[in-house]
């Protein structure tokens, strides 16, 4: 799944770095600045929820997108509290991923605490 997502993003004109698990993702995030983080809900070493919380502790302004094969039915406030800004369900389509990236970039531009219309 990681390689498929990487191919979609690279073909969409984005720079992408991948890691094999959640712990490695958090380590990489501590070293580099990223515009958006994709994390899978079910991963080795750390869940997507754990990765999202740790990313937000490091940089609260980086949008986090949770990828899941399970239906995640949480309201917006619960997602935010967990550090998750966006959710995409598997199987996903190329246009869904690229739209999600656009949405993530819009979130990054809007200062936290400012309500969106």
N, C-alpha and C. Protein backbone atom coordinates (compact mmCIF):
# COMPACT_ATOMS: atom_id res chain seq x y z
N UNK A 1 0.83 -1.19 0.00
CA UNK A 1 0.00 0.00 0.00
C UNK A 1 0.87 1.26 0.00
N UNK A 2 1.97 1.20 0.72
CA UNK A 2 2.88 2.34 0.81
C UNK A 2 3.43 2.71 -0.56
N UNK A 3 3.81 1.72 -1.34
CA UNK A 3 4.37 1.98 -2.67
C UNK A 3 3.31 2.53 -3.62
N UNK A 4 2.09 2.04 -3.51
CA UNK A 4 0.99 2.54 -4.35
C UNK A 4 0.75 4.01 -4.05
N UNK A 5 0.69 4.34 -2.77
CA UNK A 5 0.47 5.73 -2.36
C UNK A 5 1.63 6.61 -2.82
N UNK A 6 2.84 6.11 -2.67
CA UNK A 6 4.02 6.86 -3.12
C UNK A 6 3.94 7.14 -4.61
N UNK A 7 3.60 6.13 -5.40
CA UNK A 7 3.49 6.30 -6.86
C UNK A 7 2.44 7.36 -7.22
N UNK A 8 1.30 7.32 -6.54
CA UNK A 8 0.23 8.30 -6.79
C UNK A 8 0.75 9.71 -6.52
N UNK A 9 1.40 9.88 -5.38
CA UNK A 9 1.87 11.21 -4.98
C UNK A 9 3.00 11.71 -5.87
N UNK A 10 3.95 10.85 -6.19
CA UNK A 10 5.06 11.24 -7.06
C UNK A 10 4.53 11.62 -8.45
N UNK A 11 3.63 10.81 -8.99
CA UNK A 11 3.04 11.11 -10.29
C UNK A 11 2.21 12.39 -10.25
N UNK A 12 1.74 12.76 -9.05
CA UNK A 12 1.00 14.00 -8.87
C UNK A 12 1.91 15.20 -8.65
N UNK A 13 3.24 14.98 -8.73
CA UNK A 13 4.19 16.08 -8.62
C UNK A 13 4.70 16.37 -7.22
N UNK A 14 4.51 15.44 -6.30
CA UNK A 14 4.92 15.65 -4.92
C UNK A 14 6.20 14.89 -4.59
N UNK A 15 6.98 15.45 -3.67
CA UNK A 15 8.15 14.75 -3.15
C UNK A 15 7.67 13.87 -2.00
N UNK A 16 8.15 12.64 -1.95
CA UNK A 16 7.66 11.67 -0.98
C UNK A 16 8.81 10.91 -0.35
N UNK A 17 8.70 10.70 0.95
CA UNK A 17 9.62 9.81 1.65
C UNK A 17 8.76 8.78 2.38
N UNK A 18 9.19 7.53 2.32
CA UNK A 18 8.45 6.46 2.99
C UNK A 18 9.34 5.76 4.01
N UNK A 19 8.70 5.17 4.98
CA UNK A 19 9.39 4.40 6.01
C UNK A 19 8.59 3.13 6.26
N UNK A 20 9.23 2.09 6.82
CA UNK A 20 8.54 0.81 6.97
C UNK A 20 7.56 0.72 8.15
N UNK A 21 7.65 1.66 9.12
CA UNK A 21 6.76 1.56 10.28
C UNK A 21 6.60 2.91 10.96
N UNK A 22 5.72 2.95 11.94
CA UNK A 22 5.40 4.19 12.64
C UNK A 22 6.56 4.79 13.41
N UNK A 23 7.36 3.96 14.06
CA UNK A 23 8.50 4.48 14.83
C UNK A 23 9.49 5.17 13.92
N UNK A 24 9.78 4.56 12.77
CA UNK A 24 10.70 5.17 11.81
C UNK A 24 10.12 6.47 11.25
N UNK A 25 8.82 6.50 11.08
CA UNK A 25 8.17 7.71 10.59
C UNK A 25 8.34 8.87 11.56
N UNK A 26 8.14 8.61 12.83
CA UNK A 26 8.30 9.67 13.85
C UNK A 26 9.76 10.12 13.90
N UNK A 27 10.70 9.18 13.83
CA UNK A 27 12.12 9.55 13.84
C UNK A 27 12.45 10.46 12.67
N UNK A 28 11.96 10.12 11.47
CA UNK A 28 12.22 10.93 10.29
C UNK A 28 11.57 12.31 10.43
N UNK A 29 10.37 12.34 10.97
CA UNK A 29 9.65 13.60 11.14
C UNK A 29 10.40 14.55 12.08
N UNK A 30 11.08 14.00 13.06
CA UNK A 30 11.87 14.81 13.99
C UNK A 30 13.07 15.47 13.30
N UNK A 31 13.54 14.86 12.22
CA UNK A 31 14.73 15.34 11.52
C UNK A 31 14.42 16.30 10.38
N UNK A 32 13.22 16.20 9.80
CA UNK A 32 12.90 16.96 8.59
C UNK A 32 11.53 17.63 8.72
N UNK A 33 11.37 18.68 7.93
CA UNK A 33 10.09 19.37 7.88
C UNK A 33 9.27 18.80 6.73
N UNK A 34 8.04 18.41 7.01
CA UNK A 34 7.14 17.87 5.99
C UNK A 34 5.88 18.71 5.94
N UNK A 35 5.30 18.83 4.75
CA UNK A 35 4.06 19.58 4.59
C UNK A 35 2.84 18.80 5.02
N UNK A 36 2.92 17.47 4.92
CA UNK A 36 1.79 16.61 5.22
C UNK A 36 2.31 15.22 5.58
N UNK A 37 1.65 14.58 6.54
CA UNK A 37 2.03 13.22 6.94
C UNK A 37 0.86 12.28 6.67
N UNK A 38 1.13 11.21 5.94
CA UNK A 38 0.16 10.12 5.78
C UNK A 38 0.58 9.02 6.73
N UNK A 39 -0.36 8.46 7.46
CA UNK A 39 -0.07 7.33 8.32
C UNK A 39 -1.20 6.31 8.21
N UNK A 40 -0.82 5.05 8.17
CA UNK A 40 -1.82 3.99 8.12
C UNK A 40 -2.28 3.71 9.54
N UNK A 41 -3.54 3.37 9.70
CA UNK A 41 -4.05 3.07 11.04
C UNK A 41 -3.35 1.85 11.64
N UNK A 42 -3.23 0.79 10.86
CA UNK A 42 -2.62 -0.44 11.36
C UNK A 42 -1.22 -0.62 10.82
N UNK A 43 -0.21 -0.38 11.67
CA UNK A 43 1.19 -0.52 11.27
C UNK A 43 1.98 -1.21 12.38
N UNK A 44 3.14 -1.75 12.02
CA UNK A 44 4.01 -2.30 13.05
C UNK A 44 4.59 -1.18 13.93
N UNK A 45 4.90 -1.47 15.13
CA UNK A 45 5.55 -0.64 16.16
C UNK A 45 4.69 0.47 16.73
N UNK A 46 3.95 1.21 15.92
CA UNK A 46 3.06 2.27 16.40
C UNK A 46 1.85 2.32 15.48
N UNK A 47 0.70 2.56 16.07
CA UNK A 47 -0.51 2.71 15.26
C UNK A 47 -0.54 4.10 14.62
N UNK A 48 -1.40 4.28 13.67
CA UNK A 48 -1.57 5.58 13.06
C UNK A 48 -2.01 6.63 14.06
N UNK A 49 -2.81 6.22 15.05
CA UNK A 49 -3.23 7.16 16.11
C UNK A 49 -2.01 7.64 16.89
N UNK A 50 -1.11 6.72 17.23
CA UNK A 50 0.09 7.09 17.99
C UNK A 50 0.99 8.00 17.17
N UNK A 51 1.16 7.68 15.90
CA UNK A 51 1.98 8.52 15.03
C UNK A 51 1.39 9.93 14.96
N UNK A 52 0.09 10.04 14.76
CA UNK A 52 -0.56 11.36 14.66
C UNK A 52 -0.32 12.18 15.93
N UNK A 53 -0.50 11.58 17.08
CA UNK A 53 -0.29 12.31 18.34
C UNK A 53 1.15 12.78 18.48
N UNK A 54 2.10 11.93 18.11
CA UNK A 54 3.51 12.31 18.22
C UNK A 54 3.89 13.39 17.22
N UNK A 55 3.36 13.31 16.02
CA UNK A 55 3.61 14.34 15.01
C UNK A 55 3.11 15.69 15.53
N UNK A 56 1.91 15.72 16.10
CA UNK A 56 1.33 16.97 16.60
C UNK A 56 2.12 17.53 17.79
N UNK A 57 2.72 16.66 18.58
CA UNK A 57 3.56 17.14 19.68
C UNK A 57 4.80 17.84 19.13
N UNK A 58 5.31 17.35 18.02
CA UNK A 58 6.51 17.92 17.41
C UNK A 58 6.17 19.19 16.64
N UNK A 59 5.10 19.15 15.83
CA UNK A 59 4.68 20.31 15.04
C UNK A 59 3.17 20.26 14.86
N UNK A 60 2.48 21.03 15.65
CA UNK A 60 1.01 20.99 15.63
C UNK A 60 0.41 21.49 14.32
N UNK A 61 1.21 22.18 13.50
CA UNK A 61 0.69 22.73 12.25
C UNK A 61 0.81 21.80 11.05
N UNK A 62 1.44 20.66 11.23
CA UNK A 62 1.55 19.71 10.12
C UNK A 62 0.29 18.86 10.05
N UNK A 63 -0.43 18.92 8.94
CA UNK A 63 -1.62 18.09 8.80
C UNK A 63 -1.26 16.60 8.76
N UNK A 64 -2.10 15.79 9.40
CA UNK A 64 -1.92 14.34 9.43
C UNK A 64 -3.14 13.69 8.79
N UNK A 65 -2.87 12.83 7.80
CA UNK A 65 -3.92 12.08 7.12
C UNK A 65 -3.84 10.62 7.54
N UNK A 66 -4.93 10.08 8.03
CA UNK A 66 -5.01 8.70 8.47
C UNK A 66 -5.59 7.85 7.35
N UNK A 67 -4.87 6.81 6.97
CA UNK A 67 -5.33 5.87 5.95
C UNK A 67 -5.83 4.63 6.68
N UNK A 68 -7.01 4.18 6.33
CA UNK A 68 -7.56 3.02 7.01
C UNK A 68 -8.40 2.15 6.09
N UNK A 69 -8.35 0.87 6.34
CA UNK A 69 -9.21 -0.08 5.65
C UNK A 69 -10.46 -0.33 6.46
N UNK A 70 -10.46 0.18 7.70
CA UNK A 70 -11.62 0.07 8.57
C UNK A 70 -12.39 1.36 8.49
N UNK A 71 -13.68 1.29 8.63
CA UNK A 71 -14.49 2.50 8.63
C UNK A 71 -14.23 3.27 9.91
N UNK A 72 -13.69 4.46 9.78
CA UNK A 72 -13.46 5.31 10.94
C UNK A 72 -14.59 6.32 10.99
N UNK A 73 -15.47 6.15 11.94
CA UNK A 73 -16.63 7.02 12.07
C UNK A 73 -16.51 7.84 13.34
N UNK A 74 -15.62 8.81 13.32
CA UNK A 74 -15.44 9.70 14.45
C UNK A 74 -15.80 11.11 14.04
N UNK A 75 -16.32 11.87 14.98
CA UNK A 75 -16.62 13.26 14.62
C UNK A 75 -15.34 14.08 14.56
N UNK A 76 -15.43 15.24 13.95
CA UNK A 76 -14.27 16.10 13.69
C UNK A 76 -13.50 16.42 14.97
N UNK A 77 -14.20 16.69 16.07
CA UNK A 77 -13.50 17.06 17.30
C UNK A 77 -12.71 15.88 17.87
N UNK A 78 -13.24 14.67 17.76
CA UNK A 78 -12.51 13.49 18.24
C UNK A 78 -11.28 13.23 17.38
N UNK A 79 -11.42 13.43 16.08
CA UNK A 79 -10.27 13.26 15.20
C UNK A 79 -9.19 14.27 15.55
N UNK A 80 -9.56 15.54 15.70
CA UNK A 80 -8.59 16.59 16.04
C UNK A 80 -7.90 16.28 17.35
N UNK A 81 -8.67 15.82 18.32
CA UNK A 81 -8.10 15.49 19.63
C UNK A 81 -7.07 14.37 19.50
N UNK A 82 -7.25 13.50 18.53
CA UNK A 82 -6.32 12.40 18.29
C UNK A 82 -5.15 12.81 17.41
N UNK A 83 -5.17 14.05 16.91
CA UNK A 83 -4.09 14.53 16.05
C UNK A 83 -4.32 14.27 14.58
N UNK A 84 -5.50 13.77 14.23
CA UNK A 84 -5.80 13.44 12.84
C UNK A 84 -6.63 14.56 12.22
N UNK A 85 -6.16 15.06 11.08
CA UNK A 85 -6.86 16.13 10.38
C UNK A 85 -7.73 15.61 9.24
N UNK A 86 -7.29 14.53 8.61
CA UNK A 86 -7.96 14.00 7.42
C UNK A 86 -7.99 12.48 7.49
N UNK A 87 -9.01 11.89 6.87
CA UNK A 87 -9.12 10.42 6.82
C UNK A 87 -9.41 10.02 5.39
N UNK A 88 -8.73 8.97 4.95
CA UNK A 88 -9.02 8.38 3.63
C UNK A 88 -9.15 6.87 3.83
N UNK A 89 -10.22 6.33 3.29
CA UNK A 89 -10.48 4.90 3.44
C UNK A 89 -9.97 4.12 2.24
N UNK A 90 -9.42 2.94 2.53
CA UNK A 90 -9.01 2.00 1.49
C UNK A 90 -10.23 1.21 1.06
N UNK A 91 -10.33 0.84 -0.15
CA UNK A 91 -9.45 1.20 -1.25
C UNK A 91 -9.75 2.64 -1.68
N UNK A 92 -8.72 3.37 -2.05
CA UNK A 92 -8.91 4.75 -2.47
C UNK A 92 -8.55 4.89 -3.94
N UNK A 93 -9.00 5.99 -4.51
CA UNK A 93 -8.73 6.29 -5.92
C UNK A 93 -7.71 7.41 -6.00
N UNK A 94 -7.02 7.48 -7.12
CA UNK A 94 -5.97 8.48 -7.32
C UNK A 94 -6.49 9.88 -7.04
N UNK A 95 -7.65 10.23 -7.61
CA UNK A 95 -8.18 11.58 -7.42
C UNK A 95 -8.51 11.87 -5.96
N UNK A 96 -8.92 10.86 -5.19
CA UNK A 96 -9.19 11.05 -3.77
C UNK A 96 -7.92 11.43 -3.02
N UNK A 97 -6.83 10.75 -3.33
CA UNK A 97 -5.55 11.03 -2.67
C UNK A 97 -5.08 12.44 -3.00
N UNK A 98 -5.15 12.82 -4.25
CA UNK A 98 -4.68 14.14 -4.66
C UNK A 98 -5.56 15.25 -4.09
N UNK A 99 -6.86 15.01 -3.98
CA UNK A 99 -7.75 15.98 -3.34
C UNK A 99 -7.42 16.11 -1.86
N UNK A 100 -7.10 14.99 -1.23
CA UNK A 100 -6.75 15.00 0.19
C UNK A 100 -5.48 15.83 0.42
N UNK A 101 -4.51 15.72 -0.48
CA UNK A 101 -3.29 16.51 -0.36
C UNK A 101 -3.64 17.99 -0.46
N UNK A 102 -4.48 18.36 -1.40
CA UNK A 102 -4.90 19.76 -1.54
C UNK A 102 -5.57 20.25 -0.26
N UNK A 103 -6.44 19.43 0.28
CA UNK A 103 -7.13 19.79 1.52
C UNK A 103 -6.14 19.96 2.67
N UNK A 104 -5.15 19.08 2.72
CA UNK A 104 -4.12 19.18 3.75
C UNK A 104 -3.32 20.46 3.63
N UNK A 105 -3.01 20.86 2.41
CA UNK A 105 -2.26 22.11 2.20
C UNK A 105 -3.10 23.33 2.59
N UNK A 106 -4.40 23.25 2.35
CA UNK A 106 -5.29 24.34 2.78
C UNK A 106 -5.32 24.43 4.30
N UNK A 107 -5.35 23.28 4.97
CA UNK A 107 -5.33 23.27 6.44
C UNK A 107 -4.06 23.90 6.97
N UNK A 108 -2.95 23.61 6.32
CA UNK A 108 -1.66 24.13 6.77
C UNK A 108 -1.61 25.65 6.64
N UNK A 109 -2.29 26.20 5.63
CA UNK A 109 -2.28 27.66 5.42
C UNK A 109 -3.20 28.41 6.38
N UNK A 110 -4.22 27.73 6.90
CA UNK A 110 -5.16 28.39 7.81
C UNK A 110 -4.58 28.32 9.23
N UNK A 111 -4.33 29.47 9.86
CA UNK A 111 -3.79 29.44 11.22
C UNK A 111 -4.70 28.67 12.17
N UNK A 112 -4.10 27.91 13.06
CA UNK A 112 -4.87 27.14 14.04
C UNK A 112 -5.69 28.09 14.90
N UNK A 113 -6.88 27.67 15.24
CA UNK A 113 -7.76 28.49 16.05
C UNK A 113 -8.69 29.37 15.21
N UNK A 114 -8.39 29.49 13.91
CA UNK A 114 -9.24 30.26 13.01
C UNK A 114 -10.25 29.30 12.41
N UNK A 115 -11.52 29.63 12.54
CA UNK A 115 -12.55 28.75 11.99
C UNK A 115 -12.65 28.94 10.50
N UNK A 116 -12.79 27.80 9.81
CA UNK A 116 -12.96 27.82 8.37
C UNK A 116 -14.44 27.96 8.05
N UNK A 117 -14.75 28.64 6.97
CA UNK A 117 -16.14 28.82 6.55
C UNK A 117 -16.58 27.66 5.73
